[in-house]
């Protein structure tokens, strides 16, 4: 094909002279020469190809708390890569410089090089993030396989809109944890993201069933999903469908891309946190407000503050490596062992 970024797509099927992409829930059906909704997959002569294999737009060593993953190898660092484009249409995107652009070149990085860099920089794991990682499925599978063999963990920061087949491949190959962005109720997701919310909940449930550690984030956007009914509805579904030990991050929105509503009031985030706790969730965190006490983890049984965080970094973690409160012995859900490179 003449470009290192172009590889045959892993999940596809022929349909009436077209090719159906089975990577994400849009399941685009493409005639010869057509490109999918996400602009990263194209039918070329009856075969679907990804246009972004190893196309790295962004690369950095990030604390795991930045994902955010608060109950998974606290204090560790993950080498994090992003690529191009997205399969959602969110008008407030914080990473619009890469997620709203079609494949735009970037540095080609082989999976071998990426994992070698992770080890060289003494990272404990990998993370595919910044734009929607599902679009980097083929590359992620290769990275995860190598990373797991090297003793590293693998994470996704995702909108959760992959097919069940894509999720199964990711888990089978080495996905250990994911933070899923639940952007609102069905109406909000349909209106603003041009997508459906039920596949997201389905994938959260399935990931939990398959042993993946799952945390959920909701960017609280004024006028979109900040009503009591919307927030309480999300919290209630997390508690009922994923379990009360599933952490929920309610994060502060700031104007970005094509959305100009004012930043989320901090008081509203505190209220969202209370709604989550009232719904039965044991761990609800306030995000994008550095220094807020809602970043810390308290024991749900005795109230002792077990984990101190600030500006997306770990300051102190007193949870035992067995995952218990040292004060009362209560089990604290998560993966709490230290993990070096």
Protein backbone atom coordinates (compact mmCIF):
# COMPACT_ATOMS: atom_id res chain seq x y z
CA UNK A 1 0.00 0.00 0.00
CA UNK A 2 3.04 2.25 0.16
CA UNK A 3 2.38 3.63 3.65
CA UNK A 4 3.31 2.09 7.00
CA UNK A 5 0.03 3.43 8.43
CA UNK A 6 -2.18 1.30 6.12
CA UNK A 7 -2.95 -2.23 7.28
CA UNK A 8 -5.82 -4.62 6.67
CA UNK A 9 -8.53 -4.14 9.27
CA UNK A 10 -8.99 -6.99 11.73
CA UNK A 11 -12.80 -6.91 11.93
CA UNK A 12 -14.82 -6.71 8.71
CA UNK A 13 -17.36 -8.63 6.65
CA UNK A 14 -18.70 -8.43 3.08
CA UNK A 15 -22.30 -7.20 2.71
CA UNK A 16 -24.03 -6.92 -0.67
CA UNK A 17 -20.96 -5.75 -2.56
CA UNK A 18 -19.80 -3.53 0.28
CA UNK A 19 -17.64 -4.06 3.35
CA UNK A 20 -19.04 -3.64 6.84
CA UNK A 21 -16.62 -2.43 9.51
CA UNK A 22 -17.02 -4.33 12.78
CA UNK A 23 -14.64 -2.23 14.87
CA UNK A 24 -17.12 0.18 16.44
CA UNK A 25 -20.87 0.24 16.92
CA UNK A 26 -21.44 2.47 13.90
CA UNK A 27 -20.79 -0.65 11.80
CA UNK A 28 -20.28 1.46 8.66
CA UNK A 29 -21.08 -0.25 5.34
CA UNK A 30 -18.67 1.07 2.74
CA UNK A 31 -18.58 0.83 -1.02
CA UNK A 32 -15.24 0.63 -2.80
CA UNK A 33 -13.31 3.84 -2.12
CA UNK A 34 -15.54 4.98 0.73
CA UNK A 35 -14.16 5.98 4.13
CA UNK A 36 -16.01 5.32 7.37
CA UNK A 37 -17.65 7.83 9.70
CA UNK A 38 -14.46 7.99 11.75
CA UNK A 39 -12.33 8.65 8.65
CA UNK A 40 -9.75 6.08 9.75
CA UNK A 41 -11.01 3.05 7.76
CA UNK A 42 -11.47 2.70 4.02
CA UNK A 43 -12.75 0.10 1.56
CA UNK A 44 -10.03 -0.47 -1.03
CA UNK A 45 -10.98 -3.00 -3.66
CA UNK A 46 -13.38 -4.85 -1.40
CA UNK A 47 -11.08 -5.05 1.61
CA UNK A 48 -11.24 -2.74 4.62
CA UNK A 49 -8.03 -1.05 5.72
CA UNK A 50 -7.10 1.02 8.73
CA UNK A 51 -5.30 4.24 7.77
CA UNK A 52 -3.77 4.91 11.19
CA UNK A 53 -1.75 1.84 12.17
CA UNK A 54 1.10 3.15 14.32
CA UNK A 55 0.24 6.78 13.50
CA UNK A 56 1.12 8.44 16.79
CA UNK A 57 -0.05 12.03 17.12
CA UNK A 58 0.70 12.31 20.85
CA UNK A 59 3.05 10.52 23.20
CA UNK A 60 3.80 11.07 26.89
CA UNK A 61 4.54 9.31 30.16
CA UNK A 62 1.46 9.91 32.32
CA UNK A 63 0.64 9.02 35.91
CA UNK A 64 -2.15 6.46 35.96
CA UNK A 65 -4.19 8.95 37.99
CA UNK A 66 -4.45 11.16 34.87
CA UNK A 67 -6.53 8.56 32.97
CA UNK A 68 -8.19 8.77 35.53
CA UNK A 69 -7.74 5.34 37.07
CA UNK A 70 -7.70 5.81 40.85
CA UNK A 71 -7.97 2.20 42.01
CA UNK A 72 -5.47 0.59 39.63
CA UNK A 73 -1.72 0.44 40.39
CA UNK A 74 -1.70 3.82 42.15
CA UNK A 75 1.34 5.99 41.60
CA UNK A 76 2.47 4.09 38.51
CA UNK A 77 3.25 5.64 35.14
CA UNK A 78 1.91 4.52 31.75
CA UNK A 79 3.39 5.38 28.38
CA UNK A 80 0.40 6.92 26.62
CA UNK A 81 -0.20 7.27 22.90
CA UNK A 82 -2.91 8.89 20.81
CA UNK A 83 -3.61 8.91 17.10
CA UNK A 84 -6.21 10.75 14.98
CA UNK A 85 -9.98 11.22 14.72
CA UNK A 86 -12.94 9.88 16.72
CA UNK A 87 -16.21 8.02 16.30
CA UNK A 88 -18.18 10.52 18.42
CA UNK A 89 -19.19 14.08 17.54
CA UNK A 90 -18.91 15.77 20.96
CA UNK A 91 -18.80 19.55 20.40
CA UNK A 92 -16.88 20.20 23.65
CA UNK A 93 -13.93 17.89 22.88
CA UNK A 94 -10.85 18.74 24.95
CA UNK A 95 -8.51 17.08 22.43
CA UNK A 96 -10.09 18.48 19.27
CA UNK A 97 -6.71 19.20 17.68
CA UNK A 98 -6.30 15.46 17.08
CA UNK A 99 -9.77 13.97 17.52
CA UNK A 100 -11.48 16.24 15.00
CA UNK A 101 -8.83 15.74 12.34
CA UNK A 102 -8.66 12.94 9.80
CA UNK A 103 -5.48 10.86 9.65
CA UNK A 104 -2.71 13.42 9.40
CA UNK A 105 0.49 11.46 9.34
CA UNK A 106 2.44 11.84 12.55
CA UNK A 107 5.27 9.64 13.72
CA UNK A 108 5.10 6.00 12.72
CA UNK A 109 5.79 3.89 15.78
CA UNK A 110 5.86 0.14 15.65
CA UNK A 111 4.38 -1.80 18.58
CA UNK A 112 7.88 -3.10 19.33
CA UNK A 113 9.27 0.42 19.54
CA UNK A 114 6.40 1.61 21.71
CA UNK A 115 6.85 -1.17 24.26
CA UNK A 116 10.62 -0.72 24.20
CA UNK A 117 10.13 2.99 24.97
CA UNK A 118 7.80 2.14 27.83
CA UNK A 119 10.46 -0.06 29.37
CA UNK A 120 13.22 2.45 28.67
CA UNK A 121 11.26 5.18 30.47
CA UNK A 122 10.55 2.79 33.37
CA UNK A 123 6.79 2.85 32.80
CA UNK A 124 4.69 0.18 34.48
CA UNK A 125 2.22 -0.05 31.64
CA UNK A 126 0.69 1.27 28.45
CA UNK A 127 -2.33 3.43 27.75
CA UNK A 128 -4.07 4.19 24.48
CA UNK A 129 -5.82 7.51 24.94
CA UNK A 130 -6.08 11.19 23.85
CA UNK A 131 -8.33 10.37 20.89
CA UNK A 132 -10.67 7.35 20.75
CA UNK A 133 -8.42 4.28 21.12
CA UNK A 134 -10.91 1.88 19.52
CA UNK A 135 -9.86 3.32 16.16
CA UNK A 136 -6.33 2.04 16.84
CA UNK A 137 -7.59 -1.51 17.39
CA UNK A 138 -5.05 -3.38 15.28
CA UNK A 139 -2.08 -1.48 16.69
CA UNK A 140 -3.42 -1.78 20.25
CA UNK A 141 -3.70 -5.55 19.92
CA UNK A 142 -0.06 -5.80 18.86
CA UNK A 143 1.04 -3.44 21.64
CA UNK A 144 -0.93 -5.29 24.31
CA UNK A 145 0.48 -8.66 23.35
CA UNK A 146 4.06 -7.41 23.57
CA UNK A 147 3.45 -5.38 26.72
CA UNK A 148 1.90 -8.29 28.56
CA UNK A 149 4.84 -10.49 27.62
CA UNK A 150 7.13 -7.80 29.06
CA UNK A 151 5.19 -7.69 32.34
CA UNK A 152 3.46 -4.37 31.69
CA UNK A 153 -0.23 -3.61 32.19
CA UNK A 154 -2.49 -2.28 29.41
CA UNK A 155 -5.21 0.35 29.64
CA UNK A 156 -7.77 2.13 27.44
CA UNK A 157 -9.37 5.55 27.95
CA UNK A 158 -12.44 5.25 25.78
CA UNK A 159 -15.98 6.30 24.96
CA UNK A 160 -16.85 2.60 25.08
CA UNK A 161 -18.37 2.45 21.59
CA UNK A 162 -16.51 -0.60 20.31
CA UNK A 163 -18.27 -3.74 19.11
CA UNK A 164 -18.47 -6.75 21.37
CA UNK A 165 -16.05 -8.52 19.02
CA UNK A 166 -13.50 -5.70 19.33
CA UNK A 167 -13.78 -5.70 23.12
CA UNK A 168 -13.34 -9.46 23.24
CA UNK A 169 -10.15 -9.24 21.17
CA UNK A 170 -8.75 -6.48 23.38
CA UNK A 171 -9.39 -8.44 26.57
CA UNK A 172 -8.09 -11.68 25.10
CA UNK A 173 -4.88 -9.93 24.03
CA UNK A 174 -4.18 -8.13 27.29
CA UNK A 175 -6.48 -5.23 28.23
CA UNK A 176 -6.31 -4.90 32.02
CA UNK A 177 -8.24 -1.70 32.80
CA UNK A 178 -10.34 0.92 31.09
CA UNK A 179 -11.84 4.26 31.98
CA UNK A 180 -15.09 4.69 30.10
CA UNK A 181 -16.59 8.11 29.47
CA UNK A 182 -20.36 7.94 30.00
CA UNK A 183 -21.36 11.26 28.50
CA UNK A 184 -25.00 11.48 29.55
CA UNK A 185 -28.39 9.88 29.12
CA UNK A 186 -29.66 8.46 25.83
CA UNK A 187 -31.05 11.79 24.62
CA UNK A 188 -27.87 13.76 25.32
CA UNK A 189 -25.60 11.17 23.71
CA UNK A 190 -27.81 10.96 20.66
CA UNK A 191 -28.05 14.74 20.28
CA UNK A 192 -24.48 15.77 20.97
CA UNK A 193 -22.37 12.68 20.24
CA UNK A 194 -24.50 11.32 17.38
CA UNK A 195 -24.38 7.90 19.02
CA UNK A 196 -26.37 5.54 21.22
CA UNK A 197 -25.67 5.04 24.91
CA UNK A 198 -26.74 1.40 25.34
CA UNK A 199 -23.68 -0.14 23.61
CA UNK A 200 -21.51 1.82 26.06
CA UNK A 201 -23.29 0.33 29.07
CA UNK A 202 -23.17 -3.11 27.44
CA UNK A 203 -19.41 -2.86 27.02
CA UNK A 204 -18.93 -1.67 30.60
CA UNK A 205 -20.86 -4.69 31.85
CA UNK A 206 -19.06 -7.09 29.55
CA UNK A 207 -15.62 -5.74 30.46
CA UNK A 208 -16.38 -6.28 34.14
CA UNK A 209 -17.56 -9.82 33.41
CA UNK A 210 -14.29 -10.51 31.58
CA UNK A 211 -12.19 -9.33 34.52
CA UNK A 212 -11.21 -5.88 33.28
CA UNK A 213 -10.98 -3.18 35.96
CA UNK A 214 -13.49 -0.46 34.98
CA UNK A 215 -13.83 3.13 36.16
CA UNK A 216 -16.38 5.56 34.74
CA UNK A 217 -15.99 9.27 34.02
CA UNK A 218 -18.71 11.81 33.30
CA UNK A 219 -17.65 15.25 32.12
CA UNK A 220 -20.39 17.37 33.69
CA UNK A 221 -21.39 19.84 30.97
CA UNK A 222 -23.83 22.65 31.86
CA UNK A 223 -27.09 22.31 29.99
CA UNK A 224 -26.21 18.87 28.66
CA UNK A 225 -25.97 16.36 31.49
CA UNK A 226 -25.81 18.39 34.72
CA UNK A 227 -29.43 17.91 35.81
CA UNK A 228 -30.20 15.85 38.90
CA UNK A 229 -32.13 13.28 36.89
CA UNK A 230 -29.31 12.77 34.41
CA UNK A 231 -26.56 12.49 37.02
CA UNK A 232 -28.58 10.35 39.40
CA UNK A 233 -29.53 8.13 36.48
CA UNK A 234 -25.88 7.55 35.55
CA UNK A 235 -24.93 6.87 39.16
CA UNK A 236 -27.83 4.47 39.59
CA UNK A 237 -26.88 2.48 36.52
CA UNK A 238 -23.25 2.24 37.61
CA UNK A 239 -24.32 0.91 41.02
CA UNK A 240 -26.88 -1.52 39.61
CA UNK A 241 -25.08 -2.76 36.51
CA UNK A 242 -21.37 -2.47 37.35
CA UNK A 243 -21.50 -2.63 41.12
CA UNK A 244 -21.25 -0.08 43.94
CA UNK A 245 -17.47 -0.50 44.13
CA UNK A 246 -17.03 0.94 40.62
CA UNK A 247 -15.38 4.37 40.89
CA UNK A 248 -17.23 7.27 39.26
CA UNK A 249 -15.35 10.46 38.31
CA UNK A 250 -17.46 13.60 37.88
CA UNK A 251 -15.18 16.00 36.05
CA UNK A 252 -15.26 19.71 35.41
CA UNK A 253 -15.91 20.88 31.88
CA UNK A 254 -14.17 23.94 30.39
CA UNK A 255 -15.17 25.62 27.10
CA UNK A 256 -13.51 23.93 24.14
CA UNK A 257 -13.91 23.33 20.42
CA UNK A 258 -17.44 24.44 19.46
CA UNK A 259 -19.00 24.64 22.92
CA UNK A 260 -18.96 27.89 24.87
CA UNK A 261 -21.04 27.21 27.97
CA UNK A 262 -19.27 28.48 31.11
CA UNK A 263 -17.14 26.07 33.15
CA UNK A 264 -18.99 23.71 35.43
CA UNK A 265 -19.45 25.29 38.89
CA UNK A 266 -17.40 23.41 41.46
CA UNK A 267 -20.44 23.34 43.71
CA UNK A 268 -22.33 21.39 41.05
CA UNK A 269 -19.59 18.77 40.98
CA UNK A 270 -19.84 18.43 44.74
CA UNK A 271 -23.60 17.97 44.36
CA UNK A 272 -23.03 15.36 41.65
CA UNK A 273 -20.73 13.53 44.03
CA UNK A 274 -23.43 13.52 46.68
CA UNK A 275 -25.93 12.15 44.16
CA UNK A 276 -23.51 9.34 43.39
CA UNK A 277 -23.03 8.46 47.04
CA UNK A 278 -26.79 8.59 47.60
CA UNK A 279 -27.22 6.12 44.72
CA UNK A 280 -25.06 3.64 46.61
CA UNK A 281 -21.67 4.21 45.00
CA UNK A 282 -18.80 3.87 47.46
CA UNK A 283 -16.18 5.85 45.53
CA UNK A 284 -17.13 9.08 43.75
CA UNK A 285 -14.41 11.54 42.76
CA UNK A 286 -14.34 15.17 41.69
CA UNK A 287 -12.09 15.70 38.66
CA UNK A 288 -10.41 18.67 36.95
CA UNK A 289 -10.42 20.64 40.21
CA UNK A 290 -6.85 20.39 41.53
CA UNK A 291 -6.65 20.21 45.30
CA UNK A 292 -10.32 19.36 45.81
CA UNK A 293 -10.83 16.89 48.69
CA UNK A 294 -13.01 14.89 46.31
CA UNK A 295 -9.80 13.56 44.75
CA UNK A 296 -9.04 11.47 47.85
CA UNK A 297 -10.17 7.96 48.70
CA UNK A 298 -11.84 7.36 52.05
CA UNK A 299 -12.71 4.00 53.55
CA UNK A 300 -16.47 3.55 53.06
CA UNK A 301 -16.67 1.72 56.39
CA UNK A 302 -14.68 3.78 58.92
CA UNK A 303 -14.12 7.00 56.94
CA UNK A 304 -10.32 7.00 57.24
CA UNK A 305 -8.65 8.85 54.36
CA UNK A 306 -6.57 6.15 52.71
CA UNK A 307 -5.34 7.79 49.50
CA UNK A 308 -4.30 11.41 49.08
CA UNK A 309 -4.11 12.85 45.56
CA UNK A 310 -3.54 16.26 44.05
CA UNK A 311 -3.28 17.55 40.49
CA UNK A 312 -3.71 13.99 39.18
CA UNK A 313 -0.79 12.66 41.17
CA UNK A 314 -0.54 10.31 44.12
CA UNK A 315 0.72 11.75 47.40
CA UNK A 316 0.02 8.88 49.76
CA UNK A 317 -1.60 5.45 49.63
CA UNK A 318 -2.28 3.53 52.81
CA UNK A 319 -4.40 0.77 51.28
CA UNK A 320 -2.69 -2.54 51.96
CA UNK A 321 -1.36 -4.59 49.07
CA UNK A 322 -4.18 -7.03 49.84
CA UNK A 323 -6.62 -4.19 49.14
CA UNK A 324 -7.82 -3.44 52.65
CA UNK A 325 -8.17 -0.47 54.97
CA UNK A 326 -5.39 -0.71 57.57
CA UNK A 327 -7.69 0.86 60.18
CA UNK A 328 -10.73 -1.43 60.07
CA UNK A 329 -9.87 -4.16 57.55
CA UNK A 330 -12.61 -3.17 55.06
CA UNK A 331 -11.95 -4.38 51.51
CA UNK A 332 -11.18 -1.50 49.12
CA UNK A 333 -11.94 -2.56 45.55
CA UNK A 334 -9.16 -2.22 43.00
CA UNK A 335 -5.62 -3.30 42.22
CA UNK A 336 -3.42 -1.84 44.92
CA UNK A 337 -0.08 -3.60 44.57
CA UNK A 338 2.92 -1.50 43.63
CA UNK A 339 4.15 -2.06 40.10
CA UNK A 340 7.47 -0.97 38.75
CA UNK A 341 8.85 -1.33 35.24
